[in-house]
Amino acid sequence: MKLTIRDDFQSWSKEKVSGFRKAMLRATLYLEGKTVEKAPVVTSNLRNSISSNLEGAGAALRGIVSIASKYARYVVEGTGVYGPTGQPIKPKSKKALAFTYKGQPVVVRSVKGSKPNPFHEEALKEAESKIMELLEGYVE
């Protein structure tokens, strides 16, 4: 989501610039919360890896929500037949894959993979109107 700062930014008082920074912080924290809320949970590692911060200053101020988990990309893009390769997941050096699923041991030759879950996009769609409300008067 990219927003444009109002044209009259250069004439803003210190108080208005400070208010803008606070509003941007609130908007960024709100989006972070929505992203955490939408993230799928198995072990909570993904949710715990979501953070936010502000970068820059003045009209170049940016609010950033990031996901540090190494496997977030696979959750978002999907894996196997549902992911970028479009191929089932097969073992590289053995005859079968062995893992535990819902407490039960499983041994199979291949798996389809995981469907994409663009939870961060859903969070942004849900948060967009609130973000605009928080930044009203500062952006066009």
C-alpha atoms as a PDB file:
ATOM      1  CA  MET A   1       0.000   0.000   0.000  1.00  0.00           C
ATOM      2  CA  LYS A   2       1.534   3.262  -1.070  1.00  0.00           C
ATOM      3  CA  LEU A   3       0.116   6.593   0.067  1.00  0.00           C
ATOM      4  CA  THR A   4       1.049  10.106  -1.008  1.00  0.00           C
ATOM      5  CA  ILE A   5       1.790  12.768   1.597  1.00  0.00           C
ATOM      6  CA  ARG A   6      -0.165  15.972   1.107  1.00  0.00           C
ATOM      7  CA  ASP A   7       1.472  18.641  -1.066  1.00  0.00           C
ATOM      8  CA  ASP A   8       1.583  21.164   1.780  1.00  0.00           C
ATOM      9  CA  PHE A   9       3.945  18.994   3.885  1.00  0.00           C
ATOM     10  CA  GLN A  10       6.731  21.609   3.824  1.00  0.00           C
ATOM     11  CA  SER A  11       4.480  24.101   5.606  1.00  0.00           C
ATOM     12  CA  TRP A  12       3.442  21.707   8.406  1.00  0.00           C
ATOM     13  CA  SER A  13       4.231  22.752  11.952  1.00  0.00           C
ATOM     14  CA  LYS A  14       6.465  20.612  14.169  1.00  0.00           C
ATOM     15  CA  GLU A  15       3.333  19.478  16.004  1.00  0.00           C
ATOM     16  CA  LYS A  16       1.668  18.323  12.782  1.00  0.00           C
ATOM     17  CA  VAL A  17       4.825  16.463  11.684  1.00  0.00           C
ATOM     18  CA  SER A  18       4.945  14.825  15.122  1.00  0.00           C
ATOM     19  CA  GLY A  19       1.247  13.962  14.816  1.00  0.00           C
ATOM     20  CA  PHE A  20       1.895  12.416  11.412  1.00  0.00           C
ATOM     21  CA  ARG A  21       4.691  10.263  12.836  1.00  0.00           C
ATOM     22  CA  LYS A  22       2.423   9.087  15.672  1.00  0.00           C
ATOM     23  CA  ALA A  23      -0.414   8.365  13.237  1.00  0.00           C
ATOM     24  CA  MET A  24       1.955   6.423  10.977  1.00  0.00           C
ATOM     25  CA  LEU A  25       3.182   4.418  13.974  1.00  0.00           C
ATOM     26  CA  ARG A  26      -0.397   3.604  15.009  1.00  0.00           C
ATOM     27  CA  ALA A  27      -1.284   2.598  11.430  1.00  0.00           C
ATOM     28  CA  THR A  28       1.801   0.388  11.143  1.00  0.00           C
ATOM     29  CA  LEU A  29       1.139  -1.282  14.500  1.00  0.00           C
ATOM     30  CA  TYR A  30      -2.490  -1.831  13.488  1.00  0.00           C
ATOM     31  CA  LEU A  31      -1.388  -3.554  10.261  1.00  0.00           C
ATOM     32  CA  GLU A  32       1.126  -5.644  12.212  1.00  0.00           C
ATOM     33  CA  GLY A  33      -1.668  -6.776  14.534  1.00  0.00           C
ATOM     34  CA  LYS A  34      -3.932  -7.697  11.606  1.00  0.00           C
ATOM     35  CA  THR A  35      -1.079  -9.618   9.967  1.00  0.00           C
ATOM     36  CA  VAL A  36      -0.440 -11.572  13.176  1.00  0.00           C
ATOM     37  CA  GLU A  37      -4.174 -12.247  13.467  1.00  0.00           C
ATOM     38  CA  LYS A  38      -4.359 -13.625   9.894  1.00  0.00           C
ATOM     39  CA  ALA A  39      -1.168 -15.720  10.071  1.00  0.00           C
ATOM     40  CA  PRO A  40      -1.784 -19.473  10.273  1.00  0.00           C
ATOM     41  CA  VAL A  41      -0.804 -21.082  13.571  1.00  0.00           C
ATOM     42  CA  VAL A  42       0.787 -24.450  14.175  1.00  0.00           C
ATOM     43  CA  THR A  43       3.669 -23.591  16.520  1.00  0.00           C
ATOM     44  CA  SER A  44       3.239 -19.767  16.587  1.00  0.00           C
ATOM     45  CA  ASN A  45       6.761 -19.311  15.118  1.00  0.00           C
ATOM     46  CA  LEU A  46       5.306 -17.526  12.088  1.00  0.00           C
ATOM     47  CA  ARG A  47       3.210 -15.173  14.203  1.00  0.00           C
ATOM     48  CA  ASN A  48       6.122 -14.464  16.541  1.00  0.00           C
ATOM     49  CA  SER A  49       8.332 -13.517  13.577  1.00  0.00           C
ATOM     50  CA  ILE A  50       6.057 -10.659  12.451  1.00  0.00           C
ATOM     51  CA  SER A  51       7.271  -7.196  13.434  1.00  0.00           C
ATOM     52  CA  SER A  52       7.006  -3.586  12.352  1.00  0.00           C
ATOM     53  CA  ASN A  53       9.005  -0.388  12.406  1.00  0.00           C
ATOM     54  CA  LEU A  54       9.168   3.094  10.929  1.00  0.00           C
ATOM     55  CA  GLU A  55      11.925   4.117   8.537  1.00  0.00           C
ATOM     56  CA  GLY A  56      12.867   7.522   7.248  1.00  0.00           C
ATOM     57  CA  ALA A  57      11.620  10.918   8.327  1.00  0.00           C
ATOM     58  CA  GLY A  58       9.333  13.681   7.190  1.00  0.00           C
ATOM     59  CA  ALA A  59       7.605  13.076   3.867  1.00  0.00           C
ATOM     60  CA  ALA A  60       9.835  10.003   3.324  1.00  0.00           C
ATOM     61  CA  LEU A  61       8.537   8.246   6.465  1.00  0.00           C
ATOM     62  CA  ARG A  62       7.568   4.616   5.820  1.00  0.00           C
ATOM     63  CA  GLY A  63       5.832   2.072   7.996  1.00  0.00           C
ATOM     64  CA  ILE A  64       7.123  -1.458   7.404  1.00  0.00           C
ATOM     65  CA  VAL A  65       5.621  -4.759   8.527  1.00  0.00           C
ATOM     66  CA  SER A  66       8.016  -7.662   8.024  1.00  0.00           C
ATOM     67  CA  ILE A  67       7.906 -11.420   8.492  1.00  0.00           C
ATOM     68  CA  ALA A  68      11.262 -12.904   9.519  1.00  0.00           C
ATOM     69  CA  SER A  69      10.322 -16.594   9.551  1.00  0.00           C
ATOM     70  CA  LYS A  70      12.376 -18.623   7.079  1.00  0.00           C
ATOM     71  CA  TYR A  71       9.314 -20.568   5.942  1.00  0.00           C
ATOM     72  CA  ALA A  72       6.917 -17.609   5.527  1.00  0.00           C
ATOM     73  CA  ARG A  73       7.578 -17.589   1.782  1.00  0.00           C
ATOM     74  CA  TYR A  74       6.383 -21.186   1.495  1.00  0.00           C
ATOM     75  CA  VAL A  75       3.227 -20.427   3.454  1.00  0.00           C
ATOM     76  CA  VAL A  76       2.468 -17.429   1.236  1.00  0.00           C
ATOM     77  CA  GLU A  77       3.440 -18.953  -2.155  1.00  0.00           C
ATOM     78  CA  GLY A  78       2.459 -22.557  -1.483  1.00  0.00           C
ATOM     79  CA  THR A  79       4.585 -25.655  -2.037  1.00  0.00           C
ATOM     80  CA  GLY A  80       4.607 -28.697  -4.302  1.00  0.00           C
ATOM     81  CA  VAL A  81       1.844 -28.808  -6.925  1.00  0.00           C
ATOM     82  CA  TYR A  82       0.345 -25.621  -5.425  1.00  0.00           C
ATOM     83  CA  GLY A  83       3.602 -23.667  -5.419  1.00  0.00           C
ATOM     84  CA  PRO A  84       5.886 -22.114  -8.010  1.00  0.00           C
ATOM     85  CA  THR A  85       7.307 -25.463  -9.239  1.00  0.00           C
ATOM     86  CA  GLY A  86       3.917 -27.115  -9.754  1.00  0.00           C
ATOM     87  CA  GLN A  87       5.500 -30.493  -8.947  1.00  0.00           C
ATOM     88  CA  PRO A  88       4.750 -32.946  -6.111  1.00  0.00           C
ATOM     89  CA  ILE A  89       7.259 -33.045  -3.261  1.00  0.00           C
ATOM     90  CA  LYS A  90       9.402 -36.200  -3.493  1.00  0.00           C
ATOM     91  CA  PRO A  91      12.401 -37.405  -1.459  1.00  0.00           C
ATOM     92  CA  LYS A  92      15.800 -36.426  -2.844  1.00  0.00           C
ATOM     93  CA  SER A  93      17.833 -39.434  -1.767  1.00  0.00           C
ATOM     94  CA  LYS A  94      15.441 -42.019  -0.276  1.00  0.00           C
ATOM     95  CA  LYS A  95      12.491 -44.014  -1.571  1.00  0.00           C
ATOM     96  CA  ALA A  96       9.914 -42.352   0.660  1.00  0.00           C
ATOM     97  CA  LEU A  97       9.156 -39.342   2.854  1.00  0.00           C
ATOM     98  CA  ALA A  98       8.613 -40.040   6.553  1.00  0.00           C
ATOM     99  CA  PHE A  99       6.977 -37.551   8.910  1.00  0.00           C
ATOM    100  CA  THR A 100       4.375 -37.205  11.645  1.00  0.00           C
ATOM    101  CA  TYR A 101       0.946 -35.807  10.806  1.00  0.00           C
ATOM    102  CA  LYS A 102      -1.643 -35.166  13.536  1.00  0.00           C
ATOM    103  CA  GLY A 103       0.347 -37.380  15.892  1.00  0.00           C
ATOM    104  CA  GLN A 104       0.530 -40.315  13.479  1.00  0.00           C
ATOM    105  CA  PRO A 105       3.646 -41.518  11.628  1.00  0.00           C
ATOM    106  CA  VAL A 106       3.312 -41.278   7.837  1.00  0.00           C
ATOM    107  CA  VAL A 107       5.478 -42.807   5.097  1.00  0.00           C
ATOM    108  CA  VAL A 108       4.677 -41.875   1.480  1.00  0.00           C
ATOM    109  CA  ARG A 109       6.465 -41.618  -1.867  1.00  0.00           C
ATOM    110  CA  SER A 110       5.291 -38.033  -2.473  1.00  0.00           C
ATOM    111  CA  VAL A 111       2.968 -35.323  -1.203  1.00  0.00           C
ATOM    112  CA  LYS A 112       1.047 -32.631  -3.066  1.00  0.00           C
ATOM    113  CA  GLY A 113       2.283 -29.823  -0.831  1.00  0.00           C
ATOM    114  CA  SER A 114       0.531 -26.859   0.771  1.00  0.00           C
ATOM    115  CA  LYS A 115      -1.868 -24.441  -0.873  1.00  0.00           C
ATOM    116  CA  PRO A 116      -0.844 -20.762  -0.891  1.00  0.00           C
ATOM    117  CA  ASN A 117      -2.017 -18.652   2.032  1.00  0.00           C
ATOM    118  CA  PRO A 118      -1.428 -14.949   1.255  1.00  0.00           C
ATOM    119  CA  PHE A 119      -2.452 -13.973   4.778  1.00  0.00           C
ATOM    120  CA  HIS A 120      -0.491 -10.718   4.635  1.00  0.00           C
ATOM    121  CA  GLU A 121      -2.582  -9.535   1.668  1.00  0.00           C
ATOM    122  CA  GLU A 122      -5.802 -10.389   3.511  1.00  0.00           C
ATOM    123  CA  ALA A 123      -4.540  -8.418   6.514  1.00  0.00           C
ATOM    124  CA  LEU A 124      -3.809  -5.377   4.351  1.00  0.00           C
ATOM    125  CA  LYS A 125      -7.252  -5.504   2.711  1.00  0.00           C
ATOM    126  CA  GLU A 126      -8.913  -5.683   6.125  1.00  0.00           C
ATOM    127  CA  ALA A 127      -6.753  -2.927   7.601  1.00  0.00           C
ATOM    128  CA  GLU A 128      -6.853  -0.491   4.692  1.00  0.00           C
ATOM    129  CA  SER A 129      -9.892   1.547   5.760  1.00  0.00           C
ATOM    130  CA  LYS A 130      -8.625   1.846   9.360  1.00  0.00           C
ATOM    131  CA  ILE A 131      -5.180   2.908   8.108  1.00  0.00           C
ATOM    132  CA  MET A 132      -6.775   5.585   5.917  1.00  0.00           C
ATOM    133  CA  GLU A 133      -8.820   6.747   8.912  1.00  0.00           C
ATOM    134  CA  LEU A 134      -5.690   6.976  11.106  1.00  0.00           C
ATOM    135  CA  LEU A 135      -3.794   8.931   8.447  1.00  0.00           C
ATOM    136  CA  GLU A 136      -6.676  11.221   7.473  1.00  0.00           C
ATOM    137  CA  GLY A 137      -5.487  14.781   7.049  1.00  0.00           C
ATOM    138  CA  TYR A 138      -1.925  13.696   6.348  1.00  0.00           C
ATOM    139  CA  VAL A 139      -2.275  11.812   3.040  1.00  0.00           C
ATOM    140  CA  GLU A 140      -4.147  12.332  -0.216  1.00  0.00           C
END
